[in-house]
Protein backbone atom coordinates (compact mmCIF):
# COMPACT_ATOMS: atom_id res chain seq x y z
CA MET A 1 81.68 114.60 23.56
CA THR A 2 78.80 117.09 23.48
CA LYS A 3 79.38 117.92 27.13
CA ARG A 4 83.03 118.71 26.50
CA LEU A 5 82.25 120.80 23.45
CA PHE A 6 79.62 122.78 25.42
CA SER A 7 82.04 123.29 28.32
CA PHE A 8 84.74 124.42 25.90
CA ALA A 9 82.35 126.90 24.21
CA VAL A 10 81.24 128.30 27.57
CA GLY A 11 84.87 128.66 28.67
CA VAL A 12 85.87 130.40 25.44
CA GLY A 13 82.85 132.73 25.68
CA PHE A 14 83.59 133.53 29.30
CA GLY A 15 87.26 134.15 28.56
CA PHE A 16 86.45 136.37 25.58
CA GLY A 17 83.91 138.36 27.57
CA LEU A 18 86.33 138.82 30.45
CA ALA A 19 89.06 139.93 28.03
CA VAL A 20 86.75 142.53 26.45
CA ILE A 21 85.67 143.87 29.85
CA THR A 22 89.28 144.03 31.04
CA PHE A 23 90.42 145.78 27.84
CA ARG A 24 87.66 148.41 28.11
CA TRP A 25 88.48 149.04 31.78
CA PHE A 26 92.16 149.42 30.90
CA GLN A 27 91.36 151.83 28.05
CA ARG A 28 89.18 154.04 30.25
CA THR A 29 91.84 154.10 32.97
CA VAL A 30 94.52 155.12 30.47
CA GLU A 31 92.30 157.90 29.08
CA ARG A 32 91.46 159.12 32.59
CA LEU A 33 95.14 159.27 33.55
CA ALA A 34 96.29 161.02 30.36
CA PRO A 35 98.13 164.29 31.08
CA PRO A 36 95.38 166.62 29.75
CA GLN A 37 92.75 164.84 31.85
CA VAL A 38 94.89 164.97 34.98
CA ALA A 39 95.62 168.66 34.41
CA ARG A 40 91.91 169.40 33.95
CA SER A 41 91.04 167.47 37.09
CA MET A 42 93.67 169.30 39.13
CA THR A 43 92.49 172.67 37.78
CA GLU A 44 88.89 171.92 38.75
CA SER A 45 89.98 170.79 42.22
CA ALA A 46 92.08 173.91 42.75
CA ARG A 47 89.24 176.13 41.55
CA GLY A 48 86.84 174.44 43.95
CA LEU A 49 89.29 174.86 46.83
CA ILE A 50 89.75 178.55 46.04
CA LEU A 51 85.99 179.10 46.04
CA GLU A 52 85.63 177.29 49.37
CA VAL A 53 88.42 179.36 50.95
CA ARG A 54 86.89 182.57 49.59
CA ASP A 55 83.49 181.65 51.03
CA ALA A 56 85.08 180.83 54.39
CA VAL A 57 86.89 184.19 54.47
CA VAL A 58 83.70 186.10 53.64
CA GLU A 59 81.77 184.19 56.31
CA GLY A 60 84.56 184.74 58.85
CA ARG A 61 84.67 188.47 58.19
CA ALA A 62 80.90 188.75 58.57
CA ALA A 63 81.05 186.87 61.88
CA MET A 64 83.94 189.09 62.99
CA ARG A 65 81.97 192.27 62.23
CA GLU A 66 78.92 190.92 64.02
CA ARG A 67 80.93 189.97 67.11
CA GLU A 68 82.74 193.31 67.13
CA ALA A 69 79.42 195.16 66.99
CA GLN A 70 78.11 192.99 69.83
CA LEU A 71 81.17 193.67 72.00
CA ARG A 72 81.06 197.42 71.26
CA ALA A 73 77.38 197.50 72.22
CA GLU A 74 78.09 195.63 75.48
CA HIS A 75 80.86 198.07 76.43
CA GLY A 76 79.14 201.24 75.27
CA LEU A 77 81.62 202.01 72.52
CA PRO A 78 80.53 203.66 69.27
CA ILE A 79 79.89 201.29 66.39
CA PRO A 80 81.77 202.47 63.27
CA GLU A 81 80.01 202.40 59.93
CA SER A 82 80.82 199.19 58.15
CA PRO A 83 82.20 199.41 54.63
CA ALA A 84 80.23 198.00 51.73
CA PRO A 85 80.75 194.27 51.24
CA GLY A 86 83.65 193.52 48.95
CA THR A 87 85.49 196.79 49.58
CA ARG A 88 88.75 196.93 51.42
CA THR A 89 89.59 199.32 54.17
CA PRO A 90 93.09 200.82 54.09
CA ARG A 91 95.41 199.41 56.70
CA PRO A 92 97.02 201.89 59.08
CA ARG A 93 100.67 202.40 58.27
CA ALA A 94 103.19 201.42 60.88
CA LEU A 95 105.41 204.14 62.21
CA ALA A 96 108.93 203.75 60.98
């Protein structure tokens, strides 16, 4: 009888513990997937992507200027003054 009572108590304890763990996991998942949390997560991801693209563009432009200067030097062409970083040069207008 004592063996059965012990086994029953262990089973009830195990079941209760598993139920508590499962309930907490479910609650955290529901909170994580709530609309404000999802919106915040998407905003952070988009912001990170924008920063990565911006860094890639800046790095690409710097590499482009460096390569252009190298090619101009190889062919004896004058090297134009480069604009300050972050400034835009006006695009030539197409003839209509």
